[in-house]
Amino acid sequence: MNNSVLKKLTLPTEFSLNINILVILLASYFAMVFNHPIIQRVYELSGNDFTLYLISHLLLTSAFVIIFTLLAWPYVFKIILIPLLLTSALAFYASAKYNIMFDYTMMENIFETNTGEAYSYLNLSSVLFFLLLGILPALLLLKVKITYNQSILKILFFKAVLLISMVSIIALIAVFYYKDYASIGRNNSYLNKMINPAHVYNTFKYVKKNYLNKPIVYSKLGQDAKLIPAANNKPTLMVFVVGETARAQNIAYNGYARNTNPYTENMGIISFQNVTTCGTATAVSLPCLFSNMSRSNYKKERAINQDNVLDVLSYAGVKVQWLENDGGDKQVAQNIVKLNVNKTENSDLCNKHSCYDQVLLRRLPDLIEQDTQQDKLFALHLIGSHGPTYYQRYPKDKALFKPACERSDIENCSDQEILNVYDNTIAYTDYILAETITLLKQYQDTYNVALFYLSDHGESLGENGLYLHGTPYVVAPNEQTHVPWFMWAADDYFANKGINKNCLEQHAKNEAVSHDNLFHTLLGFYGVNTKQKQSALDITTTCKTNA
């Protein structure tokens, strides 16, 4: 092939486009590519109305033309659109592959995700999506020479023509299809959260709320807390295992066909059968479940600026410590001792991104044996069943269900492989609980010993096309909002704390509870009185033998 032919085939190093043409091209790209998931959803909700499918493309394209026309000014257009292309490509990948919606809660979760968690989403599929749909268009936009009309009057005139044309198209669509869209939108209000780039708006909301608003004055709660002495006068030793991404549907104690609780099955676990969460992501659920607020009135900015149940226990004289293995306590442990895992010292259980939860048990014996007359509570924050790299949550010798999905782009695994790998994480958590209970039993002569386990939220494993978690609560499936809650204690714990174990077992079997109950139930089960505790929300209230 001679040089003249090669020159003809080679793209010019720089090419020109009129700003109005560029706006229409970019608007079409955002509407037809980045927003294909919402258009597809509208198509499905309309009963597969192909006309509405085509009209939806036109409607969104017109809307984006209006937005981009308002942004189309010299020197600023590329500065705004290039980052928007890059972030929208990432959002599109998450929406297309996992059906994730980038509402405020999801942006909050993203901003509070550590590097180890972020790395778990990196795979060949996500990189290719980003390169082809984000980097390549951004480079083309960077390379293009944008031409504008020479006079400001002409610029304004053509902007006005474009805006009026697009508004007219939208108005015309509204005349003929308003009822169709109103019907779909009225019954599916979550659709607006699927629009890409909604993440920009919700990022602004997050930054404004967390960094630009006037700080809330911190409130002390429960400073009147008093510990009720146990009948045998022994101090209390409790381990609160904070679960991660464990869903109730895959718990053998809750009727799941597989035995995902083989290690604790003969240990006397009390399992609550119907437990709902405060949120569908850790950033929401974790501060909420430890706070005294219910899901209906929960506000994170208030939760992190007031004492939680761990602080109240501290006021009662309990030594409370937080052991972290999930990338952050979300400010739950801001007033207590927090101990992070040293990956270097535990290289047999850790890689550079994460550690197996067994690493948390290594420090417990030394911590327990310090000052044996002190009442204690240790909160162990597990990485548990955090996806999508489920296979990294347990050692190979703890893989009970095979074959397992051993990749981060889980949508490319079979349903059975995904189920197997997830169930392995649940079983490994059960192993951690069994090891913790075995350890507690060694200290029965010195302490009244007990354990709580409660997960922050659940997980979708492909049901109805949904994966992972973080779906807006109003439309979130049970898989993301129903979680396991276990209680365990030595028999003499119940006797010396005045709690009827049989009564509690019946309550666990028959009553619906939620994260709303944790604050009050933990105080009641441990044996702490305070004006902050509401007896109606304390699960143990009706089971107290000394009431």
Protein backbone atom coordinates (compact mmCIF):
# COMPACT_ATOMS: atom_id res chain seq x y z
CA MET A 1 0.00 0.00 0.00
CA ASN A 2 1.60 3.30 -1.06
CA ASN A 3 1.90 6.42 1.09
CA SER A 4 -0.86 8.31 -0.75
CA VAL A 5 -3.39 5.58 0.09
CA LEU A 6 -2.27 5.52 3.73
CA LYS A 7 -2.73 9.26 3.97
CA LYS A 8 -6.28 8.94 2.70
CA LEU A 9 -7.09 6.28 5.34
CA THR A 10 -5.51 8.18 8.25
CA LEU A 11 -7.76 10.43 10.32
CA PRO A 12 -6.63 14.06 10.37
CA THR A 13 -4.87 15.11 13.55
CA GLU A 14 -7.46 17.84 13.93
CA PHE A 15 -10.92 18.27 12.47
CA SER A 16 -13.59 20.92 12.76
CA LEU A 17 -17.26 20.82 13.75
CA ASN A 18 -19.78 23.57 14.19
CA ILE A 19 -20.88 23.84 17.82
CA ASN A 20 -24.54 23.20 17.00
CA ILE A 21 -23.74 20.00 15.08
CA LEU A 22 -21.49 18.87 17.95
CA VAL A 23 -24.26 19.54 20.48
CA ILE A 24 -26.71 17.38 18.51
CA LEU A 25 -24.15 14.57 18.14
CA LEU A 26 -23.31 14.56 21.85
CA ALA A 27 -26.98 14.78 22.82
CA SER A 28 -27.75 11.79 20.60
CA TYR A 29 -24.85 9.85 22.13
CA PHE A 30 -25.99 10.52 25.71
CA ALA A 31 -29.61 9.70 24.87
CA MET A 32 -29.12 6.57 22.76
CA VAL A 33 -26.07 5.04 24.44
CA PHE A 34 -25.69 6.20 28.04
CA ASN A 35 -29.45 6.23 28.64
CA HIS A 36 -30.30 3.02 26.86
CA PRO A 37 -31.10 1.28 30.21
CA ILE A 38 -33.90 3.73 31.03
CA ILE A 39 -35.27 3.65 27.48
CA GLN A 40 -35.25 -0.14 27.60
CA ARG A 41 -37.10 -0.03 30.95
CA VAL A 42 -39.74 2.33 29.54
CA TYR A 43 -40.13 -0.02 26.57
CA GLU A 44 -40.70 -2.99 28.90
CA LEU A 45 -43.12 -1.06 31.15
CA SER A 46 -45.11 0.09 28.10
CA GLY A 47 -45.82 -3.48 27.12
CA ASN A 48 -43.10 -3.48 24.45
CA ASP A 49 -44.52 -0.50 22.56
CA PHE A 50 -41.89 0.03 19.85
CA THR A 51 -43.29 3.44 18.88
CA LEU A 52 -42.80 4.67 22.45
CA TYR A 53 -39.30 3.17 22.35
CA LEU A 54 -38.40 5.34 19.34
CA ILE A 55 -40.16 8.40 20.75
CA SER A 56 -38.20 8.02 24.02
CA HIS A 57 -34.93 8.33 22.10
CA LEU A 58 -36.18 11.52 20.44
CA LEU A 59 -37.46 12.89 23.76
CA LEU A 60 -34.19 12.37 25.59
CA THR A 61 -32.12 13.62 22.65
CA SER A 62 -34.16 16.84 22.58
CA ALA A 63 -33.71 17.29 26.33
CA PHE A 64 -29.95 16.81 26.10
CA VAL A 65 -29.75 19.24 23.17
CA ILE A 66 -31.36 21.88 25.37
CA ILE A 67 -28.95 21.20 28.25
CA PHE A 68 -25.82 21.11 26.07
CA THR A 69 -26.88 24.21 24.12
CA LEU A 70 -27.00 26.13 27.37
CA LEU A 71 -23.47 24.89 28.13
CA ALA A 72 -22.10 25.47 24.64
CA TRP A 73 -19.83 28.47 25.10
CA PRO A 74 -16.23 28.94 24.02
CA TYR A 75 -13.53 27.83 26.47
CA VAL A 76 -15.94 26.02 28.83
CA PHE A 77 -17.77 23.44 26.72
CA LYS A 78 -14.93 20.90 26.54
CA ILE A 79 -14.01 21.47 30.18
CA ILE A 80 -17.54 20.43 31.19
CA LEU A 81 -18.26 17.72 28.62
CA ILE A 82 -15.02 15.70 28.76
CA PRO A 83 -15.34 14.82 32.50
CA LEU A 84 -19.06 14.24 31.91
CA LEU A 85 -18.30 11.70 29.16
CA LEU A 86 -15.84 9.85 31.38
CA THR A 87 -18.03 9.62 34.48
CA SER A 88 -21.14 8.83 32.44
CA ALA A 89 -19.33 5.91 30.80
CA LEU A 90 -18.59 4.44 34.25
CA ALA A 91 -22.18 5.03 35.35
CA PHE A 92 -23.48 3.40 32.17
CA TYR A 93 -21.39 0.28 32.80
CA ALA A 94 -22.79 -0.07 36.32
CA SER A 95 -26.36 0.52 35.09
CA ALA A 96 -26.09 -1.83 32.12
CA LYS A 97 -24.35 -4.65 33.97
CA TYR A 98 -25.79 -4.44 37.49
CA ASN A 99 -28.93 -2.24 37.15
CA ILE A 100 -27.42 0.25 39.60
CA MET A 101 -29.13 3.63 40.00
CA PHE A 102 -27.00 6.63 40.91
CA ASP A 103 -29.28 8.38 43.38
CA TYR A 104 -27.98 10.31 46.41
CA THR A 105 -27.55 7.17 48.49
CA MET A 106 -25.45 5.48 45.84
CA MET A 107 -23.20 8.54 45.45
CA GLU A 108 -22.80 8.62 49.22
CA ASN A 109 -21.76 4.98 49.12
CA ILE A 110 -19.27 5.64 46.29
CA PHE A 111 -17.63 8.57 48.07
CA GLU A 112 -17.21 6.47 51.20
CA THR A 113 -15.85 3.38 49.43
CA ASN A 114 -12.21 2.58 50.14
CA THR A 115 -9.63 1.74 47.48
CA GLY A 116 -9.82 -2.00 48.20
CA GLU A 117 -13.56 -2.06 47.51
CA ALA A 118 -13.16 0.09 44.41
CA TYR A 119 -10.47 -2.24 43.05
CA SER A 120 -12.85 -5.19 43.30
CA TYR A 121 -14.99 -3.65 40.51
CA LEU A 122 -12.02 -3.49 38.14
CA ASN A 123 -12.13 -6.14 35.41
CA LEU A 124 -11.60 -6.52 31.67
CA SER A 125 -15.25 -5.80 30.90
CA SER A 126 -15.34 -2.54 32.90
CA VAL A 127 -12.01 -1.38 31.43
CA LEU A 128 -13.19 -2.03 27.84
CA PHE A 129 -16.48 -0.22 28.48
CA PHE A 130 -14.59 2.77 29.86
CA LEU A 131 -12.07 2.84 27.02
CA LEU A 132 -14.58 2.50 24.18
CA LEU A 133 -17.49 4.52 25.57
CA GLY A 134 -15.65 7.07 27.71
CA ILE A 135 -11.98 7.56 26.82
CA LEU A 136 -12.40 7.31 23.02
CA PRO A 137 -15.29 9.85 22.73
CA ALA A 138 -13.49 12.14 25.20
CA LEU A 139 -10.32 12.04 23.07
CA LEU A 140 -12.34 12.80 19.93
CA LEU A 141 -13.97 15.75 21.66
CA LEU A 142 -10.58 16.93 22.87
CA LYS A 143 -9.24 16.74 19.32
CA VAL A 144 -12.10 18.45 17.53
CA LYS A 145 -11.80 22.14 16.68
CA ILE A 146 -15.13 23.71 17.58
CA THR A 147 -16.26 26.50 15.28
CA TYR A 148 -18.62 29.20 16.47
CA ASN A 149 -20.46 31.91 14.55
CA GLN A 150 -18.35 35.02 14.34
CA SER A 151 -20.70 37.42 16.08
CA ILE A 152 -22.39 37.06 19.44
CA LEU A 153 -25.73 37.90 17.83
CA LYS A 154 -25.42 34.96 15.43
CA ILE A 155 -24.40 32.66 18.29
CA LEU A 156 -27.47 33.72 20.27
CA PHE A 157 -29.71 33.44 17.22
CA PHE A 158 -28.72 29.85 16.42
CA LYS A 159 -28.93 28.91 20.10
CA ALA A 160 -32.47 30.30 20.18
CA VAL A 161 -33.42 28.37 17.01
CA LEU A 162 -32.06 25.15 18.48
CA LEU A 163 -33.73 25.66 21.84
CA ILE A 164 -37.10 26.57 20.33
CA SER A 165 -36.94 23.57 17.99
CA MET A 166 -36.21 21.14 20.83
CA VAL A 167 -38.87 22.63 23.11
CA SER A 168 -41.34 22.31 20.24
CA ILE A 169 -40.46 18.64 19.74
CA ILE A 170 -40.90 17.94 23.45
CA ALA A 171 -44.22 19.82 23.47
CA LEU A 172 -45.42 17.85 20.45
CA ILE A 173 -44.48 14.56 22.11
CA ALA A 174 -46.32 15.69 25.24
CA VAL A 175 -49.49 16.35 23.24
CA PHE A 176 -49.63 12.85 21.82
CA TYR A 177 -47.85 10.73 24.47
CA TYR A 178 -48.30 12.51 27.80
CA LYS A 179 -50.75 9.89 29.09
CA ASP A 180 -48.36 7.06 28.23
CA TYR A 181 -45.42 8.64 30.06
CA ALA A 182 -47.57 9.85 32.97
CA SER A 183 -48.96 6.36 33.49
CA ILE A 184 -45.52 4.77 33.46
CA GLY A 185 -43.90 7.50 35.58
CA ARG A 186 -46.67 7.63 38.18
CA ASN A 187 -46.26 3.94 38.97
CA ASN A 188 -42.48 3.84 38.58
CA SER A 189 -41.12 6.98 40.21
CA TYR A 190 -37.62 5.49 40.38
CA LEU A 191 -37.14 6.00 36.62
CA ASN A 192 -35.83 9.54 37.02
CA LYS A 193 -33.00 8.09 39.13
CA MET A 194 -31.88 6.04 36.14
CA ILE A 195 -31.16 9.07 33.95
CA ASN A 196 -27.46 9.37 33.14
CA PRO A 197 -25.80 11.72 34.24
CA ALA A 198 -27.98 12.01 37.37
CA HIS A 199 -24.78 11.23 39.28
CA VAL A 200 -23.61 14.82 38.67
CA TYR A 201 -26.61 16.30 40.46
CA ASN A 202 -26.37 13.83 43.32
CA THR A 203 -22.62 14.40 43.63
CA PHE A 204 -23.33 18.10 44.04
CA LYS A 205 -25.95 17.29 46.68
CA TYR A 206 -23.46 15.10 48.56
CA VAL A 207 -20.70 17.74 48.49
CA LYS A 208 -23.12 20.48 49.53
CA LYS A 209 -24.57 18.48 52.41
CA ASN A 210 -21.24 17.20 53.72
CA TYR A 211 -18.88 20.09 53.04
CA LEU A 212 -20.82 23.30 52.37
CA ASN A 213 -23.68 23.21 54.87
CA LYS A 214 -23.33 24.64 58.35
CA PRO A 215 -22.06 21.92 60.71
CA ILE A 216 -24.61 20.41 63.11
CA VAL A 217 -23.87 20.81 66.82
CA TYR A 218 -22.96 17.44 68.33
CA SER A 219 -25.52 16.02 70.79
CA LYS A 220 -24.72 13.81 73.78
CA LEU A 221 -27.27 11.06 74.43
CA GLY A 222 -27.70 8.57 77.24
CA GLN A 223 -25.23 10.04 79.72
CA ASP A 224 -27.58 8.77 82.45
CA ALA A 225 -26.89 5.17 81.40
CA LYS A 226 -26.44 2.71 84.28
CA LEU A 227 -25.36 -0.91 84.09
CA ILE A 228 -27.68 -3.36 85.85
CA PRO A 229 -25.49 -5.83 87.79
CA ALA A 230 -25.95 -9.46 86.78
CA ALA A 231 -27.29 -11.80 89.45
CA ASN A 232 -23.92 -13.57 89.69
CA ASN A 233 -22.02 -10.23 89.78
CA LYS A 234 -19.77 -11.28 86.90
CA PRO A 235 -18.83 -8.65 84.30
CA THR A 236 -20.35 -9.00 80.84
CA LEU A 237 -18.36 -9.86 77.72
CA MET A 238 -20.21 -9.42 74.42
CA VAL A 239 -19.03 -9.60 70.82
CA PHE A 240 -21.19 -7.75 68.30
CA VAL A 241 -20.43 -9.08 64.83
CA VAL A 242 -21.46 -6.47 62.26
CA GLY A 243 -22.25 -8.38 59.07
CA GLU A 244 -21.74 -7.12 55.54
CA THR A 245 -24.03 -7.84 52.58
CA ALA A 246 -25.59 -10.98 54.08
CA ARG A 247 -29.17 -11.56 52.97
CA ALA A 248 -31.78 -13.49 54.95
CA GLN A 249 -32.88 -15.65 52.02
CA ASN A 250 -29.60 -17.59 52.03
CA ILE A 251 -29.57 -18.41 55.74
CA ALA A 252 -30.25 -22.04 56.65
CA TYR A 253 -31.82 -20.98 59.96
CA ASN A 254 -34.40 -19.04 57.95
CA GLY A 255 -35.49 -22.01 55.84
CA TYR A 256 -32.91 -21.93 53.04
CA ALA A 257 -32.57 -25.38 51.48
CA ARG A 258 -28.77 -25.39 51.64
CA ASN A 259 -26.91 -25.71 54.92
CA THR A 260 -25.10 -22.39 54.95
CA ASN A 261 -24.79 -22.53 58.74
CA PRO A 262 -22.92 -25.82 59.25
CA TYR A 263 -20.50 -24.50 61.86
CA THR A 264 -23.00 -23.00 64.33
CA GLU A 265 -25.94 -25.36 63.75
CA ASN A 266 -25.54 -27.07 67.14
CA MET A 267 -24.53 -24.01 69.16
CA GLY A 268 -27.94 -22.67 70.17
CA ILE A 269 -28.21 -19.68 67.80
CA ILE A 270 -31.43 -17.67 68.01
CA SER A 271 -32.22 -16.49 64.48
CA PHE A 272 -34.77 -13.78 63.77
CA GLN A 273 -36.79 -14.79 60.72
CA ASN A 274 -38.10 -11.44 59.46
CA VAL A 275 -35.61 -8.58 59.78
CA THR A 276 -35.63 -5.48 57.57
CA THR A 277 -32.85 -2.98 57.13
CA CYS A 278 -32.56 0.77 57.39
CA GLY A 279 -30.96 1.05 53.95
CA THR A 280 -29.52 -0.92 51.06
CA ALA A 281 -25.92 0.29 51.35
CA THR A 282 -23.39 0.43 54.19
CA ALA A 283 -23.07 4.22 54.15
CA VAL A 284 -26.74 4.48 55.13
CA SER A 285 -27.41 1.31 57.11
CA LEU A 286 -24.39 1.27 59.40
CA PRO A 287 -24.87 4.67 61.10
CA CYS A 288 -28.63 4.14 61.06
CA LEU A 289 -28.73 0.76 62.81
CA PHE A 290 -26.55 1.99 65.70
CA SER A 291 -28.52 5.25 66.06
CA ASN A 292 -31.72 5.80 68.04
CA MET A 293 -33.53 6.87 64.86
CA SER A 294 -35.99 4.79 62.88
CA ARG A 295 -35.69 4.34 59.13
CA SER A 296 -38.64 6.68 58.56
CA ASN A 297 -36.97 9.64 60.30
CA TYR A 298 -33.32 8.78 59.74
CA LYS A 299 -30.94 11.55 58.70
CA LYS A 300 -27.29 10.67 58.41
CA GLU A 301 -26.05 14.19 59.16
CA ARG A 302 -27.83 13.95 62.51
CA ALA A 303 -26.75 10.35 63.19
CA ILE A 304 -23.04 11.14 62.87
CA ASN A 305 -23.43 14.23 65.04
CA GLN A 306 -24.94 12.54 68.06
CA ASP A 307 -24.13 9.61 70.32
CA ASN A 308 -25.12 6.12 69.24
CA VAL A 309 -25.73 2.95 71.23
CA LEU A 310 -22.01 2.19 71.52
CA ASP A 311 -21.46 5.59 73.12
CA VAL A 312 -24.35 4.99 75.52
CA LEU A 313 -22.80 1.68 76.58
CA SER A 314 -19.55 3.53 77.21
CA TYR A 315 -21.36 5.96 79.51
CA ALA A 316 -22.60 2.96 81.48
CA GLY A 317 -19.00 1.90 82.13
CA VAL A 318 -18.67 -0.69 79.35
CA LYS A 319 -15.31 -0.80 77.58
CA VAL A 320 -16.28 -0.65 73.90
CA GLN A 321 -13.83 -1.27 71.05
CA TRP A 322 -14.33 -1.49 67.28
CA LEU A 323 -12.27 -3.92 65.17
CA GLU A 324 -12.40 -2.99 61.49
CA ASN A 325 -12.09 -5.22 58.40
CA ASP A 326 -14.49 -3.59 55.93
CA GLY A 327 -12.86 -0.33 54.96
CA GLY A 328 -14.48 2.02 57.46
CA ASP A 329 -16.89 2.43 60.35
CA LYS A 330 -18.83 5.31 58.69
CA GLN A 331 -18.17 7.38 61.86
CA VAL A 332 -20.01 4.92 64.10
CA ALA A 333 -16.82 4.41 66.15
CA GLN A 334 -15.69 8.04 66.18
CA ASN A 335 -15.81 8.27 70.00
CA ILE A 336 -14.45 4.83 70.92
CA VAL A 337 -11.23 2.89 70.40
CA LYS A 338 -11.00 1.69 66.80
CA LEU A 339 -8.49 -0.95 65.76
CA ASN A 340 -7.65 -1.52 62.10
CA VAL A 341 -6.10 -4.66 60.64
CA ASN A 342 -2.39 -4.56 59.95
CA LYS A 343 -2.16 -6.34 56.59
CA THR A 344 1.61 -6.67 56.75
CA GLU A 345 1.55 -8.47 60.08
CA ASN A 346 -1.22 -10.79 58.86
CA SER A 347 0.01 -11.56 55.37
CA ASP A 348 -1.23 -15.17 55.58
CA LEU A 349 -4.82 -13.86 55.80
CA CYS A 350 -4.50 -10.66 53.78
CA ASN A 351 -3.59 -9.42 50.34
CA LYS A 352 -2.96 -5.75 49.56
CA HIS A 353 -6.69 -5.09 49.09
CA SER A 354 -8.52 -7.11 51.76
CA CYS A 355 -8.29 -9.69 54.54
CA TYR A 356 -10.29 -12.75 55.49
CA ASP A 357 -12.49 -11.99 58.51
CA GLN A 358 -10.65 -14.56 60.59
CA VAL A 359 -7.95 -11.91 61.05
CA LEU A 360 -10.23 -10.10 63.54
CA LEU A 361 -10.19 -13.04 65.93
CA ARG A 362 -6.43 -12.92 66.38
CA ARG A 363 -6.54 -9.83 68.58
CA LEU A 364 -9.54 -10.79 70.66
CA PRO A 365 -7.89 -13.01 73.33
CA ASP A 366 -5.39 -10.30 74.34
CA LEU A 367 -8.11 -7.64 74.40
CA ILE A 368 -10.45 -9.83 76.46
CA GLU A 369 -7.78 -10.66 79.01
CA GLN A 370 -7.00 -7.02 79.73
CA ASP A 371 -8.68 -6.03 83.02
CA THR A 372 -10.93 -9.05 83.56
CA GLN A 373 -13.20 -7.14 85.97
CA GLN A 374 -14.28 -4.73 83.24
CA ASP A 375 -17.56 -5.05 81.31
CA LYS A 376 -16.68 -5.24 77.61
CA LEU A 377 -18.18 -5.13 74.13
CA PHE A 378 -16.16 -5.74 70.98
CA ALA A 379 -17.70 -4.81 67.63
CA LEU A 380 -16.20 -6.82 64.75
CA HIS A 381 -16.93 -5.20 61.38
CA LEU A 382 -16.73 -7.99 58.80
CA ILE A 383 -16.11 -7.73 55.08
CA GLY A 384 -18.48 -10.71 55.02
CA SER A 385 -20.17 -11.18 51.64
CA HIS A 386 -19.11 -7.94 49.97
CA GLY A 387 -19.14 -8.31 46.19
CA PRO A 388 -18.53 -8.49 43.39
CA THR A 389 -15.31 -10.35 44.27
CA TYR A 390 -17.11 -12.81 46.55
CA TYR A 391 -14.44 -15.45 45.96
CA GLN A 392 -11.90 -13.30 47.81
CA ARG A 393 -13.93 -13.37 51.02
CA TYR A 394 -13.04 -16.90 52.10
CA PRO A 395 -10.03 -19.25 51.95
CA LYS A 396 -10.08 -22.04 49.38
CA ASP A 397 -10.46 -24.73 52.05
CA LYS A 398 -13.75 -23.13 53.15
CA ALA A 399 -15.39 -23.39 49.71
CA LEU A 400 -18.36 -25.69 50.41
CA PHE A 401 -20.26 -25.08 47.17
CA LYS A 402 -18.71 -25.59 43.73
CA PRO A 403 -18.16 -24.51 41.02
CA ALA A 404 -17.89 -20.92 42.25
CA CYS A 405 -17.73 -17.69 40.25
CA GLU A 406 -14.14 -16.53 40.61
CA ARG A 407 -14.26 -13.22 38.74
CA SER A 408 -15.46 -9.69 39.45
CA ASP A 409 -17.64 -9.35 36.31
CA ILE A 410 -20.13 -11.73 37.86
CA GLU A 411 -22.72 -11.18 35.14
CA ASN A 412 -20.52 -13.41 32.98
CA CYS A 413 -20.84 -16.33 35.41
CA SER A 414 -23.76 -18.74 35.46
CA ASP A 415 -26.53 -18.23 38.02
CA GLN A 416 -25.42 -21.37 39.83
CA GLU A 417 -21.79 -20.23 40.03
CA ILE A 418 -22.87 -16.88 41.48
CA LEU A 419 -25.12 -18.60 44.01
CA ASN A 420 -22.32 -21.01 44.98
CA VAL A 421 -19.73 -18.30 45.55
CA TYR A 422 -22.15 -16.17 47.55
CA ASP A 423 -23.25 -19.11 49.70
CA ASN A 424 -19.58 -19.82 50.40
CA THR A 425 -19.27 -16.32 51.90
CA ILE A 426 -22.32 -16.92 54.10
CA ALA A 427 -20.90 -20.24 55.29
CA TYR A 428 -17.52 -18.64 56.00
CA THR A 429 -19.20 -15.97 58.10
CA ASP A 430 -20.88 -18.83 59.97
CA TYR A 431 -17.41 -20.27 60.57
CA ILE A 432 -16.27 -16.92 62.02
CA LEU A 433 -19.30 -16.87 64.33
CA ALA A 434 -18.61 -20.43 65.49
CA GLU A 435 -14.97 -19.59 66.22
CA THR A 436 -16.06 -16.48 68.13
CA ILE A 437 -18.57 -18.43 70.23
CA THR A 438 -15.94 -21.10 70.96
CA LEU A 439 -13.59 -18.35 72.13
CA LEU A 440 -16.28 -16.76 74.32
CA LYS A 441 -17.00 -20.10 75.99
CA GLN A 442 -13.40 -20.17 77.21
CA TYR A 443 -14.14 -17.13 79.36
CA GLN A 444 -17.43 -18.29 80.91
CA ASP A 445 -15.88 -18.67 84.34
CA THR A 446 -14.87 -15.00 84.35
CA TYR A 447 -17.62 -13.32 82.32
CA ASN A 448 -21.25 -13.56 81.32
CA VAL A 449 -20.68 -14.14 77.60
CA ALA A 450 -22.90 -13.35 74.60
CA LEU A 451 -22.85 -12.60 70.88
CA PHE A 452 -24.95 -10.54 68.46
CA TYR A 453 -24.73 -10.81 64.67
CA LEU A 454 -26.61 -8.41 62.38
CA SER A 455 -26.03 -7.59 58.72
CA ASP A 456 -26.17 -4.05 57.36
CA HIS A 457 -28.01 -4.87 54.11
CA GLY A 458 -28.61 -7.70 51.67
CA GLU A 459 -27.60 -8.42 48.08
CA SER A 460 -29.12 -9.11 44.67
CA LEU A 461 -27.59 -12.02 42.76
CA GLY A 462 -29.22 -11.51 39.37
CA GLU A 463 -32.88 -11.76 40.35
CA ASN A 464 -34.87 -9.61 37.90
CA GLY A 465 -31.59 -8.48 36.36
CA LEU A 466 -30.35 -6.84 39.57
CA TYR A 467 -26.89 -7.41 41.02
CA LEU A 468 -25.09 -6.19 44.15
CA HIS A 469 -26.92 -3.65 46.36
CA GLY A 470 -27.70 0.04 46.75
CA THR A 471 -31.02 0.05 44.88
CA PRO A 472 -33.25 2.92 46.11
CA TYR A 473 -35.20 1.58 49.08
CA VAL A 474 -38.61 2.34 47.62
CA VAL A 475 -38.01 -0.15 44.79
CA ALA A 476 -35.38 -2.39 46.39
CA PRO A 477 -36.21 -6.12 46.37
CA ASN A 478 -36.40 -8.21 49.54
CA GLU A 479 -32.99 -9.65 48.71
CA GLN A 480 -31.46 -6.25 49.56
CA THR A 481 -33.66 -5.29 52.52
CA HIS A 482 -34.04 -8.55 54.51
CA VAL A 483 -31.06 -9.65 56.56
CA PRO A 484 -30.06 -12.18 59.23
CA TRP A 485 -29.98 -11.26 62.92
CA PHE A 486 -28.57 -13.82 65.36
CA MET A 487 -28.30 -13.83 69.12
CA TRP A 488 -26.32 -16.28 71.20
CA ALA A 489 -25.50 -16.45 74.89
CA ALA A 490 -24.47 -19.06 77.41
CA ASP A 491 -27.43 -20.46 79.35
CA ASP A 492 -26.32 -18.78 82.56
CA TYR A 493 -26.26 -15.44 80.72
CA PHE A 494 -30.04 -15.59 80.28
CA ALA A 495 -30.52 -16.68 83.89
CA ASN A 496 -28.28 -14.00 85.39
CA LYS A 497 -29.61 -11.22 83.15
CA GLY A 498 -33.24 -12.17 83.81
CA ILE A 499 -34.17 -13.01 80.20
CA ASN A 500 -36.43 -15.91 79.25
CA LYS A 501 -34.63 -17.67 76.40
CA ASN A 502 -37.71 -19.62 75.21
CA CYS A 503 -39.68 -16.39 75.03
CA LEU A 504 -36.95 -14.77 72.93
CA GLU A 505 -36.86 -17.78 70.59
CA GLN A 506 -40.60 -17.49 70.00
CA HIS A 507 -40.27 -13.79 69.36
CA ALA A 508 -37.51 -14.47 66.82
CA LYS A 509 -39.69 -17.03 65.06
CA ASN A 510 -42.95 -15.10 64.91
CA GLU A 511 -42.35 -11.34 65.08
CA ALA A 512 -41.15 -8.91 62.40
CA VAL A 513 -38.29 -6.69 63.55
CA SER A 514 -35.88 -4.24 61.94
CA HIS A 515 -32.74 -2.18 62.39
CA ASP A 516 -35.00 0.21 64.34
CA ASN A 517 -34.92 -2.28 67.22
CA LEU A 518 -31.15 -2.64 67.55
CA PHE A 519 -30.36 0.45 69.67
CA HIS A 520 -32.93 -0.44 72.30
CA THR A 521 -32.52 -4.23 72.18
CA LEU A 522 -28.75 -4.10 72.59
CA LEU A 523 -29.16 -2.01 75.74
CA GLY A 524 -31.87 -4.36 77.03
CA PHE A 525 -29.95 -7.53 76.30
CA TYR A 526 -26.69 -6.19 77.76
CA GLY A 527 -28.51 -4.83 80.81
CA VAL A 528 -28.28 -1.02 80.61
CA ASN A 529 -30.92 1.44 81.76
CA THR A 530 -31.26 4.92 80.28
CA LYS A 531 -34.04 7.33 79.40
CA GLN A 532 -32.99 6.88 75.77
CA LYS A 533 -34.12 3.25 75.71
CA GLN A 534 -37.67 2.72 74.46
CA SER A 535 -39.14 -0.45 75.93
CA ALA A 536 -41.53 -0.85 72.99
CA LEU A 537 -38.55 -1.21 70.64
CA ASP A 538 -36.52 -3.45 72.95
CA ILE A 539 -37.16 -7.01 71.79
CA THR A 540 -36.20 -8.39 75.21
CA THR A 541 -38.78 -6.32 77.14
CA THR A 542 -41.59 -8.91 77.08
CA CYS A 543 -39.10 -11.68 77.85
CA LYS A 544 -37.66 -10.18 81.05
CA THR A 545 -38.24 -12.48 84.02
CA ASN A 546 -37.45 -9.74 86.53
CA ALA A 547 -39.64 -7.06 84.95
